[in-house]
PDB file of all heavy atoms in Angstrom:
ATOM      1  N   LEU A   1      32.602 106.926  26.810  1.00  0.00           N
ATOM      2  CA  LEU A   1      32.961 107.763  27.956  1.00  0.00           C
ATOM      3  C   LEU A   1      32.233 107.325  29.217  1.00  0.00           C
ATOM      4  O   LEU A   1      32.831 107.271  30.297  1.00  0.00           O
ATOM      5  CB  LEU A   1      32.682 109.241  27.645  1.00  0.00           C
ATOM      6  CG  LEU A   1      33.632 109.883  26.630  1.00  0.00           C
ATOM      7  CD1 LEU A   1      33.172 111.302  26.285  1.00  0.00           C
ATOM      8  CD2 LEU A   1      35.060 109.883  27.155  1.00  0.00           C
ATOM      9  N   SER A   2      30.950 107.001  29.103  1.00  0.00           N
ATOM     10  CA  SER A   2      30.220 106.555  30.299  1.00  0.00           C
ATOM     11  C   SER A   2      30.755 105.197  30.763  1.00  0.00           C
ATOM     12  O   SER A   2      30.867 104.941  31.962  1.00  0.00           O
ATOM     13  CB  SER A   2      28.704 106.506  30.062  1.00  0.00           C
ATOM     14  OG  SER A   2      28.316 105.417  29.278  1.00  0.00           O
ATOM     15  N   GLU A   3      31.127 104.327  29.821  1.00  0.00           N
ATOM     16  CA  GLU A   3      31.690 103.029  30.201  1.00  0.00           C
ATOM     17  C   GLU A   3      33.077 103.175  30.822  1.00  0.00           C
ATOM     18  O   GLU A   3      33.437 102.412  31.724  1.00  0.00           O
ATOM     19  CB  GLU A   3      31.751 102.104  28.988  1.00  0.00           C
ATOM     20  CG  GLU A   3      30.389 101.648  28.541  1.00  0.00           C
ATOM     21  CD  GLU A   3      30.406 100.783  27.313  1.00  0.00           C
ATOM     22  OE1 GLU A   3      31.453 100.706  26.625  1.00  0.00           O
ATOM     23  OE2 GLU A   3      29.364 100.171  27.032  1.00  0.00           O
ATOM     24  N   LEU A   4      33.834 104.140  30.351  1.00  0.00           N
ATOM     25  CA  LEU A   4      35.140 104.395  30.950  1.00  0.00           C
ATOM     26  C   LEU A   4      34.977 104.738  32.427  1.00  0.00           C
ATOM     27  O   LEU A   4      35.698 104.215  33.279  1.00  0.00           O
ATOM     28  CB  LEU A   4      35.857 105.533  30.214  1.00  0.00           C
ATOM     29  CG  LEU A   4      37.195 105.960  30.803  1.00  0.00           C
ATOM     30  CD1 LEU A   4      38.215 104.838  30.685  1.00  0.00           C
ATOM     31  CD2 LEU A   4      37.702 107.209  30.115  1.00  0.00           C
ATOM     32  N   ILE A   5      33.999 105.575  32.726  1.00  0.00           N
ATOM     33  CA  ILE A   5      33.758 105.993  34.105  1.00  0.00           C
ATOM     34  C   ILE A   5      33.171 104.862  34.948  1.00  0.00           C
ATOM     35  O   ILE A   5      33.646 104.593  36.046  1.00  0.00           O
ATOM     36  CB  ILE A   5      32.830 107.231  34.139  1.00  0.00           C
ATOM     37  CG1 ILE A   5      33.538 108.426  33.504  1.00  0.00           C
ATOM     38  CG2 ILE A   5      32.356 107.539  35.562  1.00  0.00           C
ATOM     39  CD1 ILE A   5      32.624 109.598  33.190  1.00  0.00           C
ATOM     40  N   TRP A   6      32.129 104.183  34.437  1.00  0.00           N
ATOM     41  CA  TRP A   6      31.359 103.255  35.257  1.00  0.00           C
ATOM     42  C   TRP A   6      31.786 101.796  35.137  1.00  0.00           C
ATOM     43  O   TRP A   6      31.365 100.964  35.944  1.00  0.00           O
ATOM     44  CB  TRP A   6      29.870 103.400  34.954  1.00  0.00           C
ATOM     45  CG  TRP A   6      29.404 104.784  35.224  1.00  0.00           C
ATOM     46  CD1 TRP A   6      29.033 105.724  34.300  1.00  0.00           C
ATOM     47  CD2 TRP A   6      29.294 105.420  36.493  1.00  0.00           C
ATOM     48  NE1 TRP A   6      28.703 106.897  34.927  1.00  0.00           N
ATOM     49  CE2 TRP A   6      28.855 106.742  36.284  1.00  0.00           C
ATOM     50  CE3 TRP A   6      29.528 105.008  37.805  1.00  0.00           C
ATOM     51  CZ2 TRP A   6      28.639 107.639  37.312  1.00  0.00           C
ATOM     52  CZ3 TRP A   6      29.319 105.913  38.841  1.00  0.00           C
ATOM     53  CH2 TRP A   6      28.883 107.207  38.579  1.00  0.00           C
ATOM     54  N   VAL A   7      32.627 101.473  34.160  1.00  0.00           N
ATOM     55  CA  VAL A   7      33.134 100.105  34.015  1.00  0.00           C
ATOM     56  C   VAL A   7      34.663 100.108  34.037  1.00  0.00           C
ATOM     57  O   VAL A   7      35.273  99.323  34.763  1.00  0.00           O
ATOM     58  CB  VAL A   7      32.612  99.440  32.708  1.00  0.00           C
ATOM     59  CG1 VAL A   7      33.156  98.024  32.574  1.00  0.00           C
ATOM     60  CG2 VAL A   7      31.090  99.440  32.658  1.00  0.00           C
ATOM     61  N   GLY A   8      35.277 100.978  33.259  1.00  0.00           N
ATOM     62  CA  GLY A   8      36.729 101.009  33.139  1.00  0.00           C
ATOM     63  C   GLY A   8      37.448 101.326  34.439  1.00  0.00           C
ATOM     64  O   GLY A   8      38.384 100.615  34.823  1.00  0.00           O
ATOM     65  N   ILE A   9      37.021 102.374  35.115  1.00  0.00           N
ATOM     66  CA  ILE A   9      37.696 102.762  36.363  1.00  0.00           C
ATOM     67  C   ILE A   9      37.478 101.720  37.467  1.00  0.00           C
ATOM     68  O   ILE A   9      38.455 101.254  38.066  1.00  0.00           O
ATOM     69  CB  ILE A   9      37.281 104.185  36.803  1.00  0.00           C
ATOM     70  CG1 ILE A   9      37.821 105.205  35.783  1.00  0.00           C
ATOM     71  CG2 ILE A   9      37.758 104.491  38.215  1.00  0.00           C
ATOM     72  CD1 ILE A   9      37.319 106.624  35.977  1.00  0.00           C
ATOM     73  N   PRO A  10      36.224 101.302  37.740  1.00  0.00           N
ATOM     74  CA  PRO A  10      36.058 100.262  38.768  1.00  0.00           C
ATOM     75  C   PRO A  10      36.754  98.947  38.393  1.00  0.00           C
ATOM     76  O   PRO A  10      37.338  98.288  39.259  1.00  0.00           O
ATOM     77  CB  PRO A  10      34.542 100.067  38.857  1.00  0.00           C
ATOM     78  CG  PRO A  10      33.944 101.278  38.270  1.00  0.00           C
ATOM     79  CD  PRO A  10      34.929 101.798  37.270  1.00  0.00           C
ATOM     80  N   GLY A  11      36.704  98.570  37.104  1.00  0.00           N
ATOM     81  CA  GLY A  11      37.366  97.347  36.667  1.00  0.00           C
ATOM     82  C   GLY A  11      38.874  97.422  36.851  1.00  0.00           C
ATOM     83  O   GLY A  11      39.507  96.455  37.277  1.00  0.00           O
ATOM     84  N   SER A  12      39.446  98.567  36.548  1.00  0.00           N
ATOM     85  CA  SER A  12      40.890  98.757  36.733  1.00  0.00           C
ATOM     86  C   SER A  12      41.259  98.719  38.206  1.00  0.00           C
ATOM     87  O   SER A  12      42.301  98.152  38.581  1.00  0.00           O
ATOM     88  CB  SER A  12      41.332 100.088  36.114  1.00  0.00           C
ATOM     89  OG  SER A  12      41.119 100.061  34.722  1.00  0.00           O
ATOM     90  N   MET A  13      40.421  99.298  39.046  1.00  0.00           N
ATOM     91  CA  MET A  13      40.672  99.231  40.494  1.00  0.00           C
ATOM     92  C   MET A  13      40.590  97.780  40.982  1.00  0.00           C
ATOM     93  O   MET A  13      41.398  97.355  41.808  1.00  0.00           O
ATOM     94  CB  MET A  13      39.674 100.125  41.243  1.00  0.00           C
ATOM     95  CG  MET A  13      39.935 101.599  41.014  1.00  0.00           C
ATOM     96  SD  MET A  13      38.684 102.737  41.651  1.00  0.00           S
ATOM     97  CE  MET A  13      38.280 102.116  43.234  1.00  0.00           C
ATOM     98  N   TYR A  14      39.645  97.008  40.448  1.00  0.00           N
ATOM     99  CA  TYR A  14      39.520  95.595  40.807  1.00  0.00           C
ATOM    100  C   TYR A  14      40.776  94.827  40.400  1.00  0.00           C
ATOM    101  O   TYR A  14      41.289  94.004  41.168  1.00  0.00           O
ATOM    102  CB  TYR A  14      38.276  94.987  40.152  1.00  0.00           C
ATOM    103  CG  TYR A  14      38.081  93.538  40.493  1.00  0.00           C
ATOM    104  CD1 TYR A  14      37.455  93.173  41.674  1.00  0.00           C
ATOM    105  CD2 TYR A  14      38.537  92.538  39.650  1.00  0.00           C
ATOM    106  CE1 TYR A  14      37.285  91.843  42.012  1.00  0.00           C
ATOM    107  CE2 TYR A  14      38.371  91.205  39.969  1.00  0.00           C
ATOM    108  CZ  TYR A  14      37.746  90.860  41.151  1.00  0.00           C
ATOM    109  OH  TYR A  14      37.594  89.543  41.473  1.00  0.00           O
ATOM    110  N   ILE A  15      41.271  95.100  39.201  1.00  0.00           N
ATOM    111  CA  ILE A  15      42.491  94.443  38.727  1.00  0.00           C
ATOM    112  C   ILE A  15      43.661  94.772  39.654  1.00  0.00           C
ATOM    113  O   ILE A  15      44.436  93.891  40.040  1.00  0.00           O
ATOM    114  CB  ILE A  15      42.811  94.861  37.274  1.00  0.00           C
ATOM    115  CG1 ILE A  15      41.791  94.264  36.312  1.00  0.00           C
ATOM    116  CG2 ILE A  15      44.236  94.462  36.888  1.00  0.00           C
ATOM    117  CD1 ILE A  15      41.864  94.832  34.899  1.00  0.00           C
ATOM    118  N   LEU A  16      43.791  96.028  40.028  1.00  0.00           N
ATOM    119  CA  LEU A  16      44.879  96.449  40.915  1.00  0.00           C
ATOM    120  C   LEU A  16      44.787  95.750  42.272  1.00  0.00           C
ATOM    121  O   LEU A  16      45.774  95.187  42.756  1.00  0.00           O
ATOM    122  CB  LEU A  16      44.860  97.967  41.090  1.00  0.00           C
ATOM    123  CG  LEU A  16      45.914  98.553  42.018  1.00  0.00           C
ATOM    124  CD1 LEU A  16      47.318  98.302  41.471  1.00  0.00           C
ATOM    125  CD2 LEU A  16      45.680 100.034  42.217  1.00  0.00           C
ATOM    126  N   VAL A  17      43.612  95.761  42.871  1.00  0.00           N
ATOM    127  CA  VAL A  17      43.432  95.131  44.186  1.00  0.00           C
ATOM    128  C   VAL A  17      43.671  93.623  44.090  1.00  0.00           C
ATOM    129  O   VAL A  17      44.332  93.036  44.949  1.00  0.00           O
ATOM    130  CB  VAL A  17      42.037  95.458  44.765  1.00  0.00           C
ATOM    131  CG1 VAL A  17      41.735  94.626  45.995  1.00  0.00           C
ATOM    132  CG2 VAL A  17      41.933  96.947  45.089  1.00  0.00           C
ATOM    133  N   SER A  18      43.155  92.992  43.042  1.00  0.00           N
ATOM    134  CA  SER A  18      43.369  91.549  42.853  1.00  0.00           C
ATOM    135  C   SER A  18      44.849  91.232  42.727  1.00  0.00           C
ATOM    136  O   SER A  18      45.334  90.251  43.297  1.00  0.00           O
ATOM    137  CB  SER A  18      42.640  91.061  41.603  1.00  0.00           C
ATOM    138  OG  SER A  18      41.262  91.151  41.753  1.00  0.00           O
ATOM    139  N   SER A  19      45.569  92.055  41.974  1.00  0.00           N
ATOM    140  CA  SER A  19      47.006  91.839  41.801  1.00  0.00           C
ATOM    141  C   SER A  19      47.750  91.971  43.121  1.00  0.00           C
ATOM    142  O   SER A  19      48.647  91.183  43.415  1.00  0.00           O
ATOM    143  CB  SER A  19      47.576  92.834  40.792  1.00  0.00           C
ATOM    144  OG  SER A  19      47.003  92.639  39.531  1.00  0.00           O
ATOM    145  N   LEU A  20      47.366  92.953  43.906  1.00  0.00           N
ATOM    146  CA  LEU A  20      48.011  93.140  45.210  1.00  0.00           C
ATOM    147  C   LEU A  20      47.752  91.954  46.130  1.00  0.00           C
ATOM    148  O   LEU A  20      48.673  91.475  46.800  1.00  0.00           O
ATOM    149  CB  LEU A  20      47.536  94.440  45.858  1.00  0.00           C
ATOM    150  CG  LEU A  20      47.962  95.730  45.150  1.00  0.00           C
ATOM    151  CD1 LEU A  20      47.289  96.942  45.798  1.00  0.00           C
ATOM    152  CD2 LEU A  20      49.472  95.878  45.160  1.00  0.00           C
ATOM    153  N   PHE A  21      46.511  91.467  46.172  1.00  0.00           N
ATOM    154  CA  PHE A  21      46.195  90.304  47.006  1.00  0.00           C
ATOM    155  C   PHE A  21      46.920  89.055  46.519  1.00  0.00           C
ATOM    156  O   PHE A  21      47.422  88.269  47.326  1.00  0.00           O
ATOM    157  CB  PHE A  21      44.680  90.044  47.034  1.00  0.00           C
ATOM    158  CG  PHE A  21      43.961  90.833  48.077  1.00  0.00           C
ATOM    159  CD1 PHE A  21      43.088  91.845  47.700  1.00  0.00           C
ATOM    160  CD2 PHE A  21      44.136  90.580  49.427  1.00  0.00           C
ATOM    161  CE1 PHE A  21      42.415  92.590  48.657  1.00  0.00           C
ATOM    162  CE2 PHE A  21      43.476  91.310  50.389  1.00  0.00           C
ATOM    163  CZ  PHE A  21      42.614  92.330  50.017  1.00  0.00           C
ATOM    164  N   ARG A  22      46.979  88.866  45.214  1.00  0.00           N
ATOM    165  CA  ARG A  22      47.648  87.686  44.664  1.00  0.00           C
ATOM    166  C   ARG A  22      49.140  87.724  44.991  1.00  0.00           C
ATOM    167  O   ARG A  22      49.713  86.722  45.397  1.00  0.00           O
ATOM    168  CB  ARG A  22      47.409  87.610  43.156  1.00  0.00           C
ATOM    169  CG  ARG A  22      47.731  86.259  42.575  1.00  0.00           C
ATOM    170  CD  ARG A  22      47.342  86.038  41.129  1.00  0.00           C
ATOM    171  NE  ARG A  22      47.719  87.121  40.235  1.00  0.00           N
ATOM    172  CZ  ARG A  22      46.873  88.035  39.744  1.00  0.00           C
ATOM    173  NH1 ARG A  22      45.601  88.013  40.067  1.00  0.00           N
ATOM    174  NH2 ARG A  22      47.290  88.986  38.938  1.00  0.00           N
ATOM    175  N   LYS A  23      49.766  88.892  44.865  1.00  0.00           N
ATOM    176  CA  LYS A  23      51.201  89.025  45.186  1.00  0.00           C
ATOM    177  C   LYS A  23      51.446  88.779  46.667  1.00  0.00           C
ATOM    178  O   LYS A  23      52.429  88.144  47.045  1.00  0.00           O
ATOM    179  CB  LYS A  23      51.723  90.399  44.769  1.00  0.00           C
ATOM    180  CG  LYS A  23      51.903  90.517  43.276  1.00  0.00           C
ATOM    181  CD  LYS A  23      52.426  91.871  42.871  1.00  0.00           C
ATOM    182  CE  LYS A  23      52.510  91.933  41.350  1.00  0.00           C
ATOM    183  NZ  LYS A  23      52.961  93.230  40.874  1.00  0.00           N
ATOM    184  N   LYS A  24      50.546  89.278  47.499  1.00  0.00           N
ATOM    185  CA  LYS A  24      50.682  89.069  48.939  1.00  0.00           C
ATOM    186  C   LYS A  24      50.566  87.575  49.267  1.00  0.00           C
ATOM    187  O   LYS A  24      51.332  87.053  50.074  1.00  0.00           O
ATOM    188  CB  LYS A  24      49.616  89.866  49.694  1.00  0.00           C
ATOM    189  CG  LYS A  24      49.705  89.727  51.179  1.00  0.00           C
ATOM    190  CD  LYS A  24      48.631  90.529  51.882  1.00  0.00           C
ATOM    191  CE  LYS A  24      48.723  90.288  53.381  1.00  0.00           C
ATOM    192  NZ  LYS A  24      47.620  90.896  54.090  1.00  0.00           N
ATOM    193  N   ASN A  25      49.618  86.889  48.645  1.00  0.00           N
ATOM    194  CA  ASN A  25      49.440  85.457  48.891  1.00  0.00           C
ATOM    195  C   ASN A  25      50.594  84.631  48.354  1.00  0.00           C
ATOM    196  O   ASN A  25      50.929  83.598  48.928  1.00  0.00           O
ATOM    197  CB  ASN A  25      48.112  84.974  48.291  1.00  0.00           C
ATOM    198  CG  ASN A  25      46.937  85.454  49.091  1.00  0.00           C
ATOM    199  OD1 ASN A  25      47.041  85.756  50.272  1.00  0.00           O
ATOM    200  ND2 ASN A  25      45.797  85.517  48.440  1.00  0.00           N
ATOM    201  N   GLU A  26      51.211  85.055  47.257  1.00  0.00           N
ATOM    202  CA  GLU A  26      52.342  84.345  46.692  1.00  0.00           C
ATOM    203  C   GLU A  26      53.565  84.437  47.604  1.00  0.00           C
ATOM    204  O   GLU A  26      54.384  83.531  47.652  1.00  0.00           O
ATOM    205  CB  GLU A  26      52.675  84.863  45.289  1.00  0.00           C
ATOM    206  CG  GLU A  26      51.650  84.474  44.249  1.00  0.00           C
ATOM    207  CD  GLU A  26      51.865  85.147  42.911  1.00  0.00           C
ATOM    208  OE1 GLU A  26      52.809  85.971  42.766  1.00  0.00           O
ATOM    209  OE2 GLU A  26      51.070  84.886  41.994  1.00  0.00           O
ATOM    210  N   LYS A  27      53.687  85.558  48.330  1.00  0.00           N
ATOM    211  CA  LYS A  27      54.822  85.733  49.249  1.00  0.00           C
ATOM    212  C   LYS A  27      54.662  84.871  50.494  1.00  0.00           C
ATOM    213  O   LYS A  27      55.637  84.478  51.099  1.00  0.00           O
ATOM    214  CB  LYS A  27      54.962  87.200  49.641  1.00  0.00           C
ATOM    215  CG  LYS A  27      55.466  88.071  48.528  1.00  0.00           C
ATOM    216  CD  LYS A  27      55.602  89.491  48.984  1.00  0.00           C
ATOM    217  CE  LYS A  27      56.086  90.380  47.837  1.00  0.00           C
ATOM    218  NZ  LYS A  27      56.208  91.775  48.237  1.00  0.00           N
ATOM    219  N   ASN A  28      53.429  84.600  50.881  1.00  0.00           N
ATOM    220  CA  ASN A  28      53.177  83.808  52.114  1.00  0.00           C
ATOM    221  C   ASN A  28      53.254  82.354  51.871  1.00  0.00           C
ATOM    222  O   ASN A  28      53.404  81.561  51.356  1.00  0.00           O
ATOM    223  CB  ASN A  28      51.799  84.140  52.695  1.00  0.00           C
ATOM    224  CG  ASN A  28      51.765  85.551  53.214  1.00  0.00           C
ATOM    225  OD1 ASN A  28      52.785  86.143  53.549  1.00  0.00           O
ATOM    226  ND2 ASN A  28      50.585  86.117  53.274  1.00  0.00           N
TER     227      ASN A  28
END
């Protein structure tokens, strides 16, 4: 549970942001 909060959530946010940046760069 502590890892879900302090690793899982930030890691998932990192994955989301990385995916958005990668998709944006692929379009350009």
